[in-house]
N, C-alpha and C. Protein backbone atom coordinates (compact mmCIF):
# COMPACT_ATOMS: atom_id res chain seq x y z
N MET A 1 -81.17 227.90 38.39
CA MET A 1 -80.38 227.70 39.26
C MET A 1 -80.95 225.78 39.46
N TYR A 2 -82.00 225.70 38.90
CA TYR A 2 -82.45 224.19 39.47
C TYR A 2 -81.90 223.24 38.11
N LEU A 3 -81.58 223.80 37.16
CA LEU A 3 -80.65 223.61 36.20
C LEU A 3 -79.50 222.95 36.05
N GLY A 4 -79.12 224.18 36.88
CA GLY A 4 -77.77 223.51 37.02
C GLY A 4 -76.60 224.88 36.09
N HIS A 5 -77.17 226.37 36.88
CA HIS A 5 -76.70 227.27 34.89
C HIS A 5 -76.05 227.97 36.00
N ARG A 6 -74.37 228.37 35.62
CA ARG A 6 -73.42 229.16 36.55
C ARG A 6 -72.88 230.59 35.72
N GLY A 7 -73.63 231.01 34.82
CA GLY A 7 -73.06 231.81 34.30
C GLY A 7 -72.55 232.07 33.05
N GLN A 8 -72.90 231.02 32.53
CA GLN A 8 -71.90 230.45 31.24
C GLN A 8 -73.20 230.87 30.61
N GLU A 9 -72.53 231.32 28.81
CA GLU A 9 -73.50 231.18 27.47
C GLU A 9 -74.50 230.30 27.27
N CYS A 10 -76.17 230.87 27.16
CA CYS A 10 -76.30 229.74 26.74
C CYS A 10 -76.60 229.24 25.56
N PRO A 11 -76.73 228.44 24.80
CA PRO A 11 -76.67 228.28 22.88
C PRO A 11 -78.27 229.21 23.40
N MET A 12 -78.44 229.21 21.89
CA MET A 12 -79.92 229.63 21.22
C MET A 12 -80.72 228.74 21.45
N GLU A 13 -80.66 227.71 20.69
CA GLU A 13 -81.78 225.97 20.78
C GLU A 13 -81.71 225.81 21.80
N LEU A 14 -81.07 225.61 22.60
CA LEU A 14 -80.69 225.29 23.87
C LEU A 14 -82.00 226.39 25.47
N GLU A 15 -81.11 228.06 24.83
CA GLU A 15 -82.76 229.12 25.36
C GLU A 15 -84.28 228.31 24.80
N LYS A 16 -84.12 228.75 23.58
CA LYS A 16 -85.82 227.70 22.81
C LYS A 16 -86.46 227.48 23.06
N GLN A 17 -85.30 225.90 23.99
CA GLN A 17 -86.23 224.98 24.43
C GLN A 17 -86.53 225.24 25.61
N ILE A 18 -86.03 226.07 26.21
CA ILE A 18 -86.13 226.15 27.46
C ILE A 18 -87.18 227.13 28.31
N HIS A 19 -87.37 228.15 26.87
CA HIS A 19 -88.30 228.70 26.91
C HIS A 19 -90.37 228.12 26.68
N ARG A 20 -89.23 227.33 25.98
CA ARG A 20 -90.44 226.72 24.91
C ARG A 20 -90.94 225.31 26.23
N CYS A 21 -90.75 224.84 27.03
CA CYS A 21 -90.27 224.43 27.90
C CYS A 21 -91.27 224.73 29.48
N MET A 22 -91.27 226.12 29.15
CA MET A 22 -92.02 226.75 30.76
C MET A 22 -93.47 227.28 30.51
N LYS A 23 -93.50 227.85 29.04
CA LYS A 23 -94.75 227.53 28.59
C LYS A 23 -95.87 226.66 28.77
N GLU A 24 -94.86 225.23 28.30
CA GLU A 24 -96.13 224.30 28.83
C GLU A 24 -96.54 223.93 29.46
N VAL A 25 -95.77 224.00 31.27
CA VAL A 25 -95.43 224.42 32.53
C VAL A 25 -96.01 225.36 33.11
N THR A 26 -95.99 226.44 32.37
CA THR A 26 -97.07 227.22 32.68
C THR A 26 -98.28 227.22 32.82
N LYS A 27 -98.87 227.03 31.00
CA LYS A 27 -100.25 226.08 31.05
C LYS A 27 -100.59 225.45 31.49
N ALA A 28 -100.04 224.64 32.24
CA ALA A 28 -100.28 222.71 32.79
C ALA A 28 -100.65 223.31 34.07
N ALA A 29 -100.13 224.72 35.07
CA ALA A 29 -99.70 224.96 36.31
C ALA A 29 -101.69 224.99 36.14
N GLU A 30 -101.90 224.87 37.82
CA GLU A 30 -103.04 224.74 38.31
C GLU A 30 -102.97 225.15 39.82
N PRO A 31 -102.20 225.90 39.97
CA PRO A 31 -101.26 226.64 41.72
C PRO A 31 -103.01 226.71 43.16
N ARG A 32 -102.55 225.74 43.72
CA ARG A 32 -103.70 225.84 44.67
C ARG A 32 -103.04 226.10 46.32
N LEU A 33 -103.84 226.67 46.79
CA LEU A 33 -102.82 226.63 48.03
C LEU A 33 -103.47 226.49 49.60
N VAL A 34 -103.26 226.06 50.30
CA VAL A 34 -103.82 226.31 51.96
C VAL A 34 -103.20 226.51 52.71
N TYR A 35 -103.61 227.08 53.89
CA TYR A 35 -103.05 227.43 55.08
C TYR A 35 -104.33 227.67 56.16
N ARG A 36 -103.44 226.66 56.96
CA ARG A 36 -103.92 227.07 58.72
C ARG A 36 -103.26 227.78 59.79
N ILE A 37 -103.83 228.84 60.66
CA ILE A 37 -102.64 230.03 61.85
C ILE A 37 -103.40 229.25 62.96
N LEU A 38 -101.77 228.01 63.65
CA LEU A 38 -102.83 227.65 65.13
C LEU A 38 -101.82 228.52 66.25
N PRO A 39 -101.87 228.45 67.49
CA PRO A 39 -101.63 229.10 67.75
C PRO A 39 -100.39 228.56 69.18
N VAL A 40 -99.26 229.25 69.25
CA VAL A 40 -98.28 228.13 70.07
C VAL A 40 -98.28 229.24 71.29
N ASN A 41 -97.89 227.55 72.47
CA ASN A 41 -97.93 228.33 73.27
C ASN A 41 -95.86 227.64 73.96
N ASN A 42 -94.95 228.39 74.57
CA ASN A 42 -93.80 228.40 74.94
C ASN A 42 -93.06 227.55 73.92
N GLY A 43 -92.33 227.80 72.32
CA GLY A 43 -92.35 227.40 71.68
C GLY A 43 -93.17 226.28 70.52
N GLN A 44 -94.24 225.84 71.08
CA GLN A 44 -94.60 224.53 70.53
C GLN A 44 -95.67 224.86 69.65
N VAL A 45 -96.45 224.11 68.81
CA VAL A 45 -97.78 224.34 68.15
C VAL A 45 -98.87 223.39 68.75
N GLU A 46 -99.67 224.63 69.38
CA GLU A 46 -101.33 223.49 69.95
C GLU A 46 -101.43 222.39 69.11
N GLY A 47 -101.69 221.16 70.27
CA GLY A 47 -102.05 220.07 68.77
C GLY A 47 -101.66 219.58 67.74
N PHE A 48 -99.64 219.89 67.76
CA PHE A 48 -99.17 219.43 66.60
C PHE A 48 -97.95 219.46 66.68
N PRO A 49 -97.45 218.34 67.65
CA PRO A 49 -95.91 218.53 67.94
C PRO A 49 -95.03 218.48 67.35
N LEU A 50 -94.01 219.22 66.92
CA LEU A 50 -92.60 219.68 65.82
C LEU A 50 -91.72 218.94 66.49
N GLU A 51 -90.79 217.80 65.81
CA GLU A 51 -89.82 217.23 66.14
C GLU A 51 -88.71 217.92 65.74
N GLY A 52 -87.50 218.12 66.37
CA GLY A 52 -86.17 219.07 65.97
C GLY A 52 -85.87 220.40 66.97
N ASN A 53 -85.12 220.48 67.09
CA ASN A 53 -84.41 221.79 67.81
C ASN A 53 -84.50 223.33 66.82
N ASP A 54 -84.80 222.89 65.32
CA ASP A 54 -84.97 224.02 64.84
C ASP A 54 -85.75 224.79 64.63
N MET A 55 -87.19 224.07 65.04
CA MET A 55 -88.97 224.54 65.66
C MET A 55 -88.90 224.77 66.81
N ARG A 56 -87.51 224.42 67.49
CA ARG A 56 -88.33 225.26 69.18
C ARG A 56 -87.28 227.28 68.96
N GLU A 57 -86.82 226.80 68.28
CA GLU A 57 -85.32 227.52 67.53
C GLU A 57 -86.87 228.96 67.00
N LEU A 58 -87.34 228.30 65.83
CA LEU A 58 -88.44 229.24 64.61
C LEU A 58 -89.40 230.09 66.24
N LEU A 59 -89.83 229.02 66.58
CA LEU A 59 -90.85 229.43 67.53
C LEU A 59 -90.75 229.87 68.87
N ALA A 60 -89.48 229.94 69.58
CA ALA A 60 -89.39 230.45 70.57
C ALA A 60 -90.12 231.42 71.13
N ASP A 61 -90.48 232.66 69.81
CA ASP A 61 -90.58 234.36 70.11
C ASP A 61 -92.21 234.49 69.47
N CYS A 62 -93.11 233.21 69.65
CA CYS A 62 -94.05 233.35 68.14
C CYS A 62 -95.35 233.28 69.46
N GLN A 63 -96.77 233.41 69.07
CA GLN A 63 -97.60 233.39 70.45
C GLN A 63 -98.53 232.97 68.81
N GLN A 64 -98.48 232.47 67.39
CA GLN A 64 -98.99 231.54 66.41
C GLN A 64 -97.74 231.46 64.79
N ALA A 65 -98.91 229.80 65.16
CA ALA A 65 -97.94 229.66 63.35
C ALA A 65 -98.28 229.09 62.12
N VAL A 66 -98.17 229.45 61.29
CA VAL A 66 -99.13 229.47 59.96
C VAL A 66 -98.53 227.77 59.08
N LEU A 67 -99.24 227.42 59.44
CA LEU A 67 -99.06 225.58 58.45
C LEU A 67 -99.29 225.96 56.95
N MET A 68 -98.89 225.61 56.09
CA MET A 68 -98.99 225.54 54.54
C MET A 68 -98.78 224.27 54.12
N ALA A 69 -99.61 224.94 52.71
CA ALA A 69 -99.31 223.77 51.42
C ALA A 69 -99.85 224.61 49.73
N VAL A 70 -98.80 223.87 49.22
CA VAL A 70 -99.12 224.82 47.74
C VAL A 70 -98.89 222.99 46.79
N THR A 71 -99.69 223.54 46.18
CA THR A 71 -99.61 222.29 44.62
C THR A 71 -99.64 222.93 43.36
N LEU A 72 -98.51 222.89 42.88
CA LEU A 72 -98.85 222.90 40.94
C LEU A 72 -100.05 221.75 40.47
N GLY A 73 -100.22 221.42 41.12
CA GLY A 73 -102.07 220.19 40.70
C GLY A 73 -101.44 219.35 39.83
N PRO A 74 -101.59 218.46 39.30
CA PRO A 74 -102.31 217.14 38.41
C PRO A 74 -101.71 217.53 37.04
N ARG A 75 -102.11 218.41 36.24
CA ARG A 75 -102.09 219.12 35.11
C ARG A 75 -100.53 218.43 35.34
N VAL A 76 -99.48 219.57 35.60
CA VAL A 76 -98.09 219.29 35.58
C VAL A 76 -97.26 217.89 35.63
N GLU A 77 -98.27 217.15 36.71
CA GLU A 77 -97.56 215.65 37.30
C GLU A 77 -97.83 215.14 36.22
N GLN A 78 -98.87 215.14 35.28
CA GLN A 78 -99.04 214.58 33.91
C GLN A 78 -98.30 215.00 33.13
N LEU A 79 -97.97 216.09 33.32
CA LEU A 79 -96.93 216.46 31.66
C LEU A 79 -95.95 215.75 31.79
N LEU A 80 -94.83 216.40 33.20
CA LEU A 80 -93.97 215.58 33.60
C LEU A 80 -93.51 213.49 33.66
N MET A 81 -94.46 213.33 33.53
CA MET A 81 -94.73 212.00 33.47
C MET A 81 -94.85 211.72 31.95
N ARG A 82 -95.61 212.41 31.37
CA ARG A 82 -94.83 211.62 29.91
C ARG A 82 -93.47 212.31 28.60
N ARG A 83 -93.38 213.70 29.41
CA ARG A 83 -91.67 214.01 28.91
C ARG A 83 -90.81 212.40 29.60
N GLU A 84 -91.24 212.68 30.78
CA GLU A 84 -90.09 211.72 30.94
C GLU A 84 -90.24 210.50 30.34
N VAL A 85 -91.20 209.71 29.11
CA VAL A 85 -90.99 208.98 28.55
C VAL A 85 -91.11 209.36 27.21
N THR A 86 -90.88 210.18 26.33
CA THR A 86 -91.12 210.69 25.22
C THR A 86 -90.00 211.55 24.86
N ASN A 87 -89.33 212.35 26.29
CA ASN A 87 -88.12 212.85 25.58
C ASN A 87 -87.80 213.74 27.12
N MET A 88 -86.43 212.80 27.12
CA MET A 88 -86.22 213.11 28.76
C MET A 88 -85.34 214.67 28.71
N ALA A 89 -85.12 215.32 27.87
CA ALA A 89 -84.01 216.44 28.00
C ALA A 89 -85.55 217.45 28.59
N ASP A 90 -87.00 217.67 27.88
CA ASP A 90 -87.44 218.56 28.36
C ASP A 90 -88.28 218.09 29.64
N ALA A 91 -88.01 216.62 29.69
CA ALA A 91 -88.37 216.66 31.26
C ALA A 91 -87.63 217.53 32.24
N VAL A 92 -86.09 217.23 32.50
CA VAL A 92 -85.30 217.72 32.44
C VAL A 92 -85.79 219.53 33.05
N ILE A 93 -86.04 219.78 32.13
CA ILE A 93 -85.73 221.09 31.96
C ILE A 93 -87.87 221.83 32.38
N MET A 94 -88.45 221.16 31.98
CA MET A 94 -89.66 221.00 32.72
C MET A 94 -89.48 220.78 34.23
N ASP A 95 -88.46 219.75 34.93
CA ASP A 95 -89.09 219.43 36.35
C ASP A 95 -88.73 220.83 36.81
N ALA A 96 -87.54 221.37 36.60
CA ALA A 96 -86.49 222.63 37.24
C ALA A 96 -87.73 223.64 37.15
N CYS A 97 -88.10 223.72 35.81
CA CYS A 97 -88.79 224.89 35.63
C CYS A 97 -90.21 224.92 36.73
N ALA A 98 -90.57 223.89 36.27
CA ALA A 98 -92.45 223.48 38.08
C ALA A 98 -91.72 224.05 39.02
N SER A 99 -89.86 222.98 39.13
CA SER A 99 -89.17 223.55 40.97
C SER A 99 -90.30 225.19 41.23
N THR A 100 -89.44 225.81 40.63
CA THR A 100 -89.41 227.47 40.41
C THR A 100 -90.57 228.12 40.61
N ALA A 101 -91.57 227.75 39.57
CA ALA A 101 -93.08 227.88 39.95
C ALA A 101 -93.53 227.41 41.61
N VAL A 102 -93.46 226.03 41.76
CA VAL A 102 -94.39 226.22 42.94
C VAL A 102 -93.27 227.04 44.37
N GLU A 103 -92.19 227.15 43.90
CA GLU A 103 -91.69 227.93 45.32
C GLU A 103 -91.85 229.77 44.88
N ASN A 104 -92.16 229.98 43.71
CA ASN A 104 -92.59 231.73 44.01
C ASN A 104 -94.18 231.37 44.33
N VAL A 105 -94.64 230.11 43.93
CA VAL A 105 -96.40 230.58 44.33
C VAL A 105 -95.72 230.86 46.36
N SER A 106 -95.19 229.78 46.51
CA SER A 106 -94.90 229.42 48.60
C SER A 106 -93.97 231.82 48.60
N ASP A 107 -93.66 231.84 47.90
CA ASP A 107 -93.04 232.88 47.87
C ASP A 107 -93.54 234.12 48.24
N HIS A 108 -94.78 234.47 46.97
CA HIS A 108 -95.66 235.85 46.80
C HIS A 108 -96.73 235.33 48.15
N PHE A 109 -97.19 234.46 48.64
CA PHE A 109 -97.79 233.81 49.33
C PHE A 109 -97.18 234.73 50.51
N GLU A 110 -96.18 234.06 51.08
CA GLU A 110 -95.37 234.49 52.51
C GLU A 110 -95.18 235.98 52.70
N PHE A 111 -94.75 236.04 51.05
CA PHE A 111 -94.53 238.17 50.61
C PHE A 111 -96.02 238.78 51.42
N ASP A 112 -97.35 238.18 50.81
CA ASP A 112 -98.03 239.04 50.88
C ASP A 112 -98.79 238.83 52.32
N LEU A 113 -98.28 237.44 53.31
CA LEU A 113 -99.24 237.65 54.86
C LEU A 113 -97.96 238.05 55.33
N ARG A 114 -96.54 238.42 54.96
CA ARG A 114 -95.68 238.74 55.57
C ARG A 114 -96.65 240.48 55.40
N LYS A 115 -96.52 241.17 54.53
CA LYS A 115 -96.96 242.36 54.80
C LYS A 115 -98.48 243.34 55.70
N GLN A 116 -98.85 241.81 55.14
CA GLN A 116 -100.15 242.01 55.92
C GLN A 116 -100.38 241.85 57.32
N LEU A 117 -99.92 241.00 57.37
CA LEU A 117 -99.31 241.36 59.34
C LEU A 117 -98.37 242.57 59.98
N GLU A 118 -97.46 242.89 58.70
CA GLU A 118 -96.59 243.75 59.50
C GLU A 118 -98.07 245.40 59.90
N GLN A 119 -99.47 245.07 58.67
CA GLN A 119 -100.30 246.27 59.17
C GLN A 119 -100.41 246.07 60.27
N GLU A 120 -100.80 245.71 60.84
CA GLU A 120 -101.88 244.64 61.89
C GLU A 120 -100.07 244.74 63.61
N GLY A 121 -99.19 244.76 63.45
CA GLY A 121 -98.15 245.61 64.20
C GLY A 121 -97.32 243.77 64.70
N LYS A 122 -97.70 242.65 63.55
CA LYS A 122 -96.67 241.36 63.04
C LYS A 122 -96.39 241.40 62.85
N TYR A 123 -95.37 240.06 63.48
CA TYR A 123 -94.00 239.96 62.46
C TYR A 123 -94.22 238.37 62.07
N LEU A 124 -93.74 237.89 60.83
CA LEU A 124 -93.76 236.78 60.17
C LEU A 124 -92.01 236.10 60.74
N THR A 125 -91.93 234.75 60.87
CA THR A 125 -90.12 234.16 60.30
C THR A 125 -89.86 233.61 59.25
N ASP A 126 -88.93 232.89 59.25
CA ASP A 126 -88.86 232.39 58.28
C ASP A 126 -89.32 230.95 57.21
N ARG A 127 -89.79 231.05 56.32
CA ARG A 127 -90.45 229.65 56.20
C ARG A 127 -90.09 228.23 56.43
N PHE A 128 -89.60 227.79 56.58
CA PHE A 128 -89.37 226.59 57.20
C PHE A 128 -90.32 225.45 56.66
N SER A 129 -89.36 224.21 55.70
CA SER A 129 -89.95 223.07 55.50
C SER A 129 -89.84 221.47 55.64
N PRO A 130 -90.44 220.92 56.28
CA PRO A 130 -89.85 219.26 56.49
C PRO A 130 -89.10 218.81 55.65
N GLY A 131 -87.87 217.95 55.60
CA GLY A 131 -86.72 218.28 55.16
C GLY A 131 -85.51 219.43 55.23
N TYR A 132 -85.34 220.19 55.39
CA TYR A 132 -84.62 221.49 56.41
C TYR A 132 -84.18 221.34 57.61
N GLY A 133 -82.97 221.77 58.12
CA GLY A 133 -82.10 221.40 59.37
C GLY A 133 -82.94 219.92 59.61
N ASP A 134 -83.38 219.37 61.63
CA ASP A 134 -84.08 218.52 61.57
C ASP A 134 -85.27 218.66 61.64
N LEU A 135 -85.88 219.09 61.39
CA LEU A 135 -87.12 219.00 61.00
C LEU A 135 -87.48 217.18 59.82
N PRO A 136 -87.45 216.69 59.86
CA PRO A 136 -87.80 215.56 59.39
C PRO A 136 -88.76 215.48 58.23
N LEU A 137 -88.48 214.54 56.94
CA LEU A 137 -89.29 214.39 55.51
C LEU A 137 -90.47 214.01 56.39
N HIS A 138 -90.72 213.28 57.00
CA HIS A 138 -92.30 212.63 57.18
C HIS A 138 -92.82 213.64 57.87
N MET A 139 -92.34 214.48 58.21
CA MET A 139 -93.38 215.17 58.73
C MET A 139 -94.33 215.90 57.24
N GLN A 140 -93.80 216.18 56.30
CA GLN A 140 -94.68 216.39 55.94
C GLN A 140 -96.72 215.58 55.46
N ALA A 141 -96.33 214.12 55.95
CA ALA A 141 -97.82 213.47 55.85
C ALA A 141 -98.69 214.03 56.76
N ARG A 142 -98.09 214.86 58.33
CA ARG A 142 -98.87 215.49 59.25
C ARG A 142 -99.11 216.49 58.68
N PHE A 143 -98.27 217.44 57.76
CA PHE A 143 -98.84 218.61 57.48
C PHE A 143 -100.33 219.01 56.87
N CYS A 144 -100.18 217.36 55.54
CA CYS A 144 -100.85 217.39 54.82
C CYS A 144 -102.37 217.65 55.31
N ASP A 145 -102.32 215.91 56.41
CA ASP A 145 -103.86 215.75 57.09
C ASP A 145 -103.89 217.03 58.10
N ALA A 146 -102.87 217.89 58.92
CA ALA A 146 -103.80 218.71 59.71
C ALA A 146 -104.31 220.31 58.45
N LEU A 147 -103.81 219.70 57.62
CA LEU A 147 -104.12 220.88 56.72
C LEU A 147 -105.64 220.30 55.29
N ASN A 148 -105.48 218.51 55.83
CA ASN A 148 -107.19 218.11 55.03
C ASN A 148 -106.51 218.08 53.57
N THR A 149 -105.57 218.90 53.39
CA THR A 149 -104.80 218.71 51.14
C THR A 149 -105.55 217.71 50.54
N GLY A 150 -105.74 216.72 51.41
CA GLY A 150 -106.03 215.95 49.88
C GLY A 150 -107.61 215.88 49.23
N ARG A 151 -108.34 216.83 49.90
CA ARG A 151 -109.72 216.80 49.79
C ARG A 151 -109.94 218.49 49.36
N ARG A 152 -108.54 219.07 49.91
CA ARG A 152 -108.43 220.59 49.49
C ARG A 152 -108.18 220.72 48.47
N ILE A 153 -107.18 220.35 48.15
CA ILE A 153 -106.44 220.59 47.22
C ILE A 153 -105.16 219.42 46.20
N GLY A 154 -105.86 218.75 46.43
CA GLY A 154 -105.91 217.11 45.75
C GLY A 154 -104.38 216.27 46.32
N LEU A 155 -103.33 217.32 47.46
CA LEU A 155 -101.99 217.07 47.62
C LEU A 155 -102.54 215.94 48.49
N THR A 156 -101.65 215.12 48.21
CA THR A 156 -101.32 213.37 49.02
C THR A 156 -99.64 213.20 49.63
N VAL A 157 -100.03 212.26 50.03
CA VAL A 157 -98.44 211.93 50.53
C VAL A 157 -98.10 210.34 50.44
N THR A 158 -97.05 209.80 50.15
CA THR A 158 -96.90 208.30 50.00
C THR A 158 -96.63 208.15 51.14
N PRO A 159 -96.22 205.95 51.46
CA PRO A 159 -95.59 205.99 52.71
C PRO A 159 -94.23 206.65 52.28
N ASN A 160 -93.32 206.74 51.31
CA ASN A 160 -92.24 207.22 51.36
C ASN A 160 -91.85 208.67 51.24
N ASP A 161 -92.86 209.21 52.03
CA ASP A 161 -92.66 210.71 51.95
C ASP A 161 -92.97 211.28 50.80
N ILE A 162 -93.30 210.77 50.20
CA ILE A 162 -93.38 211.53 48.36
C ILE A 162 -94.68 212.33 47.96
N MET A 163 -94.49 213.64 48.21
CA MET A 163 -95.84 214.39 47.69
C MET A 163 -96.58 214.20 46.76
N ILE A 164 -98.01 213.24 46.66
CA ILE A 164 -98.34 213.93 45.37
C ILE A 164 -99.79 214.62 45.06
N PRO A 165 -99.61 215.68 43.84
CA PRO A 165 -98.32 216.06 43.05
C PRO A 165 -96.84 216.56 43.82
N ARG A 166 -96.31 215.34 42.92
CA ARG A 166 -94.32 215.86 43.62
C ARG A 166 -94.49 217.41 43.67
N LYS A 167 -94.58 218.65 42.39
CA LYS A 167 -95.16 219.74 42.39
C LYS A 167 -95.72 220.03 43.48
N SER A 168 -95.18 220.62 45.43
CA SER A 168 -95.98 220.81 45.70
C SER A 168 -94.64 220.74 46.91
N VAL A 169 -95.59 221.87 48.11
CA VAL A 169 -94.35 222.47 49.05
C VAL A 169 -95.38 222.13 50.50
N THR A 170 -94.81 222.02 51.83
CA THR A 170 -95.35 222.04 52.81
C THR A 170 -94.24 223.09 53.49
N ALA A 171 -94.99 223.76 53.91
CA ALA A 171 -94.07 224.59 54.95
C ALA A 171 -94.59 224.69 56.43
N ILE A 172 -93.76 225.68 57.41
CA ILE A 172 -94.37 226.76 58.69
C ILE A 172 -93.94 228.32 58.69
N LEU A 173 -94.50 228.66 58.91
CA LEU A 173 -93.88 230.06 59.69
C LEU A 173 -94.57 230.24 60.84
N GLY A 174 -93.52 231.04 61.41
CA GLY A 174 -94.43 231.30 63.06
C GLY A 174 -94.36 233.01 62.48
N ILE A 175 -95.53 233.46 63.67
CA ILE A 175 -96.05 234.99 63.71
C ILE A 175 -95.25 235.54 65.50
N SER A 176 -95.02 236.57 64.83
CA SER A 176 -94.43 237.90 66.67
C SER A 176 -95.10 238.60 67.15
N ASP A 177 -95.53 239.29 67.68
CA ASP A 177 -95.56 240.66 68.03
C ASP A 177 -94.01 241.27 68.18
N ARG A 178 -93.13 240.64 67.99
CA ARG A 178 -91.68 241.72 67.77
C ARG A 178 -90.92 240.96 66.26
N PRO A 179 -89.90 242.33 65.88
CA PRO A 179 -88.87 241.86 64.35
C PRO A 179 -88.76 240.05 64.88
N GLN A 180 -88.65 239.48 63.73
CA GLN A 180 -87.85 238.66 63.96
C GLN A 180 -86.94 238.28 63.20
N LYS A 181 -85.30 237.95 63.39
CA LYS A 181 -84.05 238.27 62.37
C LYS A 181 -84.24 237.02 61.93
N LEU A 182 -84.09 237.44 59.92
CA LEU A 182 -84.43 236.07 59.47
C LEU A 182 -82.74 235.83 58.40
N ARG A 183 -83.24 234.56 59.21
CA ARG A 183 -81.70 234.21 57.71
C ARG A 183 -81.76 233.79 57.28
N LYS A 184 -80.94 233.20 56.64
CA LYS A 184 -80.23 233.59 55.25
C LYS A 184 -79.93 231.96 54.23
N ARG A 185 -81.28 232.32 53.57
CA ARG A 185 -81.61 230.66 52.72
C ARG A 185 -80.36 230.17 51.99
N GLY A 186 -79.87 229.55 52.89
CA GLY A 186 -78.40 228.54 52.75
C GLY A 186 -78.48 227.40 52.85
N CYS A 187 -77.32 227.01 52.80
CA CYS A 187 -76.60 225.10 52.71
C CYS A 187 -77.03 224.54 53.46
N GLU A 188 -76.38 224.86 55.09
CA GLU A 188 -77.32 224.92 56.40
C GLU A 188 -78.60 224.54 56.59
N VAL A 189 -79.43 224.79 55.75
CA VAL A 189 -81.51 224.50 56.20
C VAL A 189 -81.55 223.87 54.50
N CYS A 190 -80.97 223.32 53.90
CA CYS A 190 -81.18 222.53 52.47
C CYS A 190 -81.37 221.46 52.80
N SER A 191 -82.12 220.33 52.41
CA SER A 191 -82.88 219.38 52.31
C SER A 191 -81.51 218.18 51.69
N MET A 192 -80.88 219.21 50.57
CA MET A 192 -80.34 218.29 50.14
C MET A 192 -78.42 219.44 50.19
N PHE A 193 -78.29 219.16 51.48
CA PHE A 193 -76.64 219.78 52.07
C PHE A 193 -75.70 218.77 51.69
N MET A 194 -76.21 217.12 51.93
CA MET A 194 -75.19 216.40 51.68
C MET A 194 -74.57 215.71 50.53
N THR A 195 -75.92 216.26 49.56
CA THR A 195 -76.29 215.66 47.63
C THR A 195 -75.31 216.86 46.79
N CYS A 196 -75.61 217.45 47.98
CA CYS A 196 -75.48 218.76 46.32
C CYS A 196 -74.88 219.04 45.65
N PRO A 197 -74.42 219.20 44.15
CA PRO A 197 -74.19 219.70 43.57
C PRO A 197 -72.44 220.14 43.07
N TYR A 198 -73.15 221.61 43.78
CA TYR A 198 -72.85 222.84 43.89
C TYR A 198 -71.79 222.96 44.91
N ARG A 199 -72.15 222.06 46.25
CA ARG A 199 -71.45 221.96 47.15
C ARG A 199 -70.08 221.12 46.93
N LYS A 200 -69.87 219.89 45.88
CA LYS A 200 -69.29 219.34 45.62
C LYS A 200 -68.09 219.61 44.90
N GLU A 201 -68.68 220.90 44.43
CA GLU A 201 -67.36 221.85 43.73
C GLU A 201 -66.87 223.37 44.26
N GLY A 202 -67.53 223.29 45.90
CA GLY A 202 -67.23 224.14 46.26
C GLY A 202 -67.81 225.34 46.40
N GLY A 203 -69.18 225.06 45.93
CA GLY A 203 -69.90 227.21 45.67
C GLY A 203 -71.92 226.60 46.20
N SER A 204 -72.46 227.33 45.46
CA SER A 204 -73.75 227.52 46.31
C SER A 204 -75.02 227.74 45.12
N CYS A 205 -75.71 227.36 45.55
CA CYS A 205 -76.91 227.83 44.34
C CYS A 205 -77.69 229.08 44.68
N HIS A 206 -77.32 229.36 45.57
CA HIS A 206 -77.75 231.13 46.55
C HIS A 206 -76.21 232.04 45.47
N GLU A 207 -75.53 231.80 45.65
CA GLU A 207 -74.53 232.88 44.94
C GLU A 207 -74.64 233.73 44.34
């Protein structure tokens, strides 16, 4: 999806290039994750105020919230920077591979936590990241401060709200005593809603 593939036939040489880039990204990746569970009262996380209506809706029926941060580590960042100078085609493919990889790490954490909580009679909401909906991107720095990511996993945020290493994710999930309706992840909660090339063509990346 990150490479703009829409089901068309992939040339053999490109397929080989993609597999080579995937192997290099996988070899360089050092996934690290940190999370913290905080109490929620009346849709507000104690000691961690959140902006936007989406957060009030997400946490309306929750008693706790999970703050999480994931990074692939500095070696992937260094790999991408080298390729951006020496081979831009590789850099584009590696960037897509790394984006997929960090999302997969986040998905696996969410899946495992969801299963664990369900055994305790508790349920997770959707995962929601700064930049989605009306949760502003600048919240990333506050997530990282709350999780002490600089010391714990080497993840920092620049004054321009860029995470370093770039292939990193911050997010929040609510924990409730009752099953939660999970929303379809799609355009309306995507940080690229206004600039997405798929929407310009009348489609979406999740079709």
